[in-house]
Amino acid sequence: MGSKITAASEGHAHDLDLKTFEELYRRMFPTLKRYAIYLVGDVEDAQLLLNDVFIAIWKKRLLIIDEKPYLFRAVKNASLNYHKRIKSPFLDLDDELVPELADQNPDPAQYYQEKDRNKMLYQLIGQMPERRRLIFYMYRIDGLSYKEIGALLDISVRTVEDHLSKGFQFLKERIMKNEAEFR
């Protein structure tokens, strides 16, 4: 299930026009941004990385047939290059990405307790194998269906189910083991 792209030549009927490009950008940017933040660990770097991906598509006038798989792979490849440049391992989600609950919890102690719990939860998710962690985030954060995840990663729906089941089991075991910290 490979991604299909065509490099458009000048005046060719399949050229990527500005309207098509803008629509693609507007439609895919929010999801790709969350994915890039997950991979890079920094909001600003993720945006720069995404801009580079879209600039490359525009410069080459690429008309992408299977958009989601192609774009997710392009962002993943760009993030791998990013990590090679800075020579650091994949970063865990930082405090900026932990949901802020200040408005819901006027008690500062409760707010920080919730923040610590969320941070511990993200750290536990970060301990999952890379593929399982990616599938977990795509399902829980991006809200993608099993079928969409399977299509994007070129795996079966059953494999997606298996990864999610094992991911939830992993979290349940770790949370039960450290129950006092999650109260």
Protein backbone atom coordinates (compact mmCIF):
# COMPACT_ATOMS: atom_id res chain seq x y z
CA MET A 1 0.00 0.00 0.00
CA GLY A 2 2.57 2.61 -1.03
CA SER A 3 1.89 6.30 -1.33
CA LYS A 4 1.45 7.62 -4.81
CA ILE A 5 2.84 10.96 -5.85
CA THR A 6 3.47 12.58 -9.15
CA ALA A 7 5.94 15.33 -9.84
CA ALA A 8 4.09 17.76 -12.01
CA SER A 9 5.82 19.30 -14.96
CA GLU A 10 5.25 22.79 -16.25
CA GLY A 11 1.86 23.15 -17.90
CA HIS A 12 0.91 19.50 -17.24
CA ALA A 13 -2.75 18.78 -16.44
CA HIS A 14 -1.80 17.27 -13.08
CA ASP A 15 0.03 20.32 -11.73
CA LEU A 16 -0.54 21.10 -8.09
CA ASP A 17 -2.31 24.43 -8.17
CA LEU A 18 -2.33 26.96 -5.35
CA LYS A 19 -5.97 26.32 -4.42
CA THR A 20 -5.39 22.55 -4.11
CA PHE A 21 -2.21 23.13 -2.12
CA GLU A 22 -3.88 25.58 0.28
CA GLU A 23 -6.78 23.18 0.81
CA LEU A 24 -4.37 20.31 1.54
CA TYR A 25 -2.42 22.49 3.97
CA ARG A 26 -5.54 23.74 5.77
CA ARG A 27 -7.01 20.24 6.04
CA MET A 28 -3.90 18.31 7.11
CA PHE A 29 -1.84 20.82 9.12
CA PRO A 30 -3.60 20.42 12.52
CA THR A 31 -3.25 16.61 12.61
CA LEU A 32 0.27 16.67 11.22
CA LYS A 33 1.23 19.32 13.77
CA ARG A 34 0.16 17.08 16.68
CA TYR A 35 2.07 14.20 15.11
CA ALA A 36 5.18 16.36 14.61
CA ILE A 37 5.02 17.62 18.22
CA TYR A 38 4.83 14.01 19.38
CA LEU A 39 7.88 13.09 17.29
CA VAL A 40 9.98 16.20 17.94
CA GLY A 41 8.89 17.20 21.44
CA ASP A 42 8.91 20.93 20.73
CA VAL A 43 6.00 22.98 19.38
CA GLU A 44 8.09 25.55 17.49
CA ASP A 45 10.42 22.96 15.96
CA ALA A 46 7.41 20.88 14.95
CA GLN A 47 5.90 23.86 13.11
CA LEU A 48 9.20 24.58 11.36
CA LEU A 49 9.50 20.94 10.37
CA LEU A 50 5.96 20.94 8.96
CA ASN A 51 6.60 24.14 7.05
CA ASP A 52 9.66 22.50 5.46
CA VAL A 53 7.58 19.48 4.43
CA PHE A 54 4.88 21.64 2.83
CA ILE A 55 7.44 23.93 1.15
CA ALA A 56 9.09 20.88 -0.42
CA ILE A 57 5.71 19.69 -1.73
CA TRP A 58 4.98 23.11 -3.18
CA LYS A 59 8.42 23.56 -4.74
CA LYS A 60 8.25 20.16 -6.43
CA ARG A 61 4.59 20.71 -7.33
CA LEU A 62 3.83 17.25 -5.98
CA LEU A 63 0.32 16.04 -6.58
CA ILE A 64 -0.21 13.47 -3.84
CA ILE A 65 -2.73 10.72 -4.46
CA ASP A 66 -2.64 8.94 -1.06
CA GLU A 67 -2.28 12.06 1.07
CA LYS A 68 -2.33 10.78 4.66
CA PRO A 69 0.23 7.98 4.33
CA TYR A 70 2.56 10.17 2.27
CA LEU A 71 2.35 13.16 4.62
CA PHE A 72 2.73 11.10 7.80
CA ARG A 73 5.81 9.40 6.33
CA ALA A 74 7.23 12.74 5.18
CA VAL A 75 6.80 14.21 8.68
CA LYS A 76 8.32 11.11 10.28
CA ASN A 77 11.32 11.26 7.93
CA ALA A 78 11.75 14.98 8.60
CA SER A 79 11.64 14.33 12.35
CA LEU A 80 14.27 11.60 12.02
CA ASN A 81 16.49 14.11 10.22
CA TYR A 82 15.75 16.64 12.96
CA HIS A 83 16.89 14.18 15.64
CA LYS A 84 20.02 13.32 13.68
CA ARG A 85 20.86 17.03 13.53
CA ILE A 86 20.50 17.60 17.26
CA LYS A 87 21.83 14.11 18.13
CA SER A 88 19.36 13.44 20.91
CA PRO A 89 16.86 10.65 21.48
CA PHE A 90 13.16 11.13 20.93
CA LEU A 91 11.98 13.52 23.59
CA ASP A 92 9.13 12.89 25.96
CA LEU A 93 6.19 15.24 25.93
CA ASP A 94 6.98 18.23 28.09
CA ASP A 95 4.89 20.36 30.40
CA GLU A 96 3.53 22.47 27.53
CA LEU A 97 1.72 19.43 26.16
CA VAL A 98 0.23 18.22 29.45
CA PRO A 99 -3.38 19.40 29.61
CA GLU A 100 -3.73 22.51 31.71
CA LEU A 101 -6.48 22.11 34.30
CA ALA A 102 -6.19 25.44 36.16
CA ASP A 103 -9.68 26.67 35.29
CA GLN A 104 -11.28 23.40 36.39
CA ASN A 105 -9.31 23.12 39.65
CA PRO A 106 -9.19 26.36 41.62
CA ASP A 107 -7.21 24.59 44.39
CA PRO A 108 -3.48 24.97 43.49
CA ALA A 109 -2.54 21.74 45.31
CA GLN A 110 -5.10 19.78 43.32
CA TYR A 111 -3.95 21.45 40.10
CA TYR A 112 -0.33 20.41 40.64
CA GLN A 113 -1.37 16.91 41.70
CA GLU A 114 -3.34 16.55 38.43
CA LYS A 115 -0.43 17.95 36.46
CA ASP A 116 1.97 15.48 38.11
CA ARG A 117 -0.41 12.59 37.38
CA ASN A 118 -0.68 13.60 33.74
CA LYS A 119 3.08 13.93 33.50
CA MET A 120 3.53 10.45 34.99
CA LEU A 121 0.95 9.08 32.56
CA TYR A 122 2.81 10.61 29.59
CA GLN A 123 6.06 9.16 30.96
CA LEU A 124 4.46 5.72 31.15
CA ILE A 125 3.20 6.06 27.58
CA GLY A 126 6.74 7.07 26.63
CA GLN A 127 7.97 3.69 27.91
CA MET A 128 5.91 1.80 25.34
CA PRO A 129 7.67 0.50 22.23
CA GLU A 130 7.81 3.21 19.54
CA ARG A 131 5.23 1.64 17.21
CA ARG A 132 2.75 0.98 20.04
CA ARG A 133 3.23 4.50 21.41
CA LEU A 134 2.59 6.00 17.96
CA ILE A 135 -0.59 3.96 17.50
CA PHE A 136 -1.71 4.90 21.01
CA TYR A 137 -1.27 8.62 20.32
CA MET A 138 -2.91 8.40 16.91
CA TYR A 139 -5.95 6.76 18.51
CA ARG A 140 -6.21 8.70 21.78
CA ILE A 141 -4.93 12.15 20.76
CA ASP A 142 -5.65 12.41 17.04
CA GLY A 143 -8.90 10.48 17.32
CA LEU A 144 -8.15 8.32 14.29
CA SER A 145 -10.09 5.09 13.84
CA TYR A 146 -8.47 1.66 13.81
CA LYS A 147 -9.02 1.52 10.06
CA GLU A 148 -7.42 4.94 9.47
CA ILE A 149 -4.41 4.04 11.62
CA GLY A 150 -4.05 0.73 9.77
CA ALA A 151 -4.14 2.50 6.41
CA LEU A 152 -1.65 5.18 7.48
CA LEU A 153 0.86 2.72 8.92
CA ASP A 154 0.22 0.02 6.34
CA ILE A 155 -0.83 -2.57 8.95
CA SER A 156 -4.01 -4.57 9.53
CA VAL A 157 -6.86 -3.37 11.75
CA ARG A 158 -6.21 -6.47 13.88
CA THR A 159 -2.61 -5.35 14.45
CA VAL A 160 -3.87 -1.89 15.50
CA GLU A 161 -6.29 -3.54 17.95
CA ASP A 162 -3.49 -5.72 19.32
CA HIS A 163 -1.16 -2.72 19.87
CA LEU A 164 -3.90 -0.71 21.59
CA SER A 165 -4.94 -3.64 23.77
CA LYS A 166 -1.36 -4.25 24.86
CA GLY A 167 -0.84 -0.51 25.38
CA PHE A 168 -3.88 -0.18 27.65
CA GLN A 169 -2.85 -3.35 29.52
CA PHE A 170 0.66 -1.92 29.99
CA LEU A 171 -0.76 1.32 31.43
CA LYS A 172 -3.20 -0.52 33.69
CA GLU A 173 -0.41 -2.70 35.12
CA ARG A 174 1.92 0.27 35.70
CA ILE A 175 -0.81 2.41 37.26
CA MET A 176 -1.91 -0.42 39.58
CA LYS A 177 1.75 -0.99 40.54
CA ASN A 178 2.11 2.73 41.41
CA GLU A 179 -1.46 3.22 42.61
CA ALA A 180 -0.53 5.58 45.45
CA GLU A 181 1.05 8.04 42.99
CA PHE A 182 -2.09 8.19 40.85
CA ARG A 183 -4.57 8.98 43.66
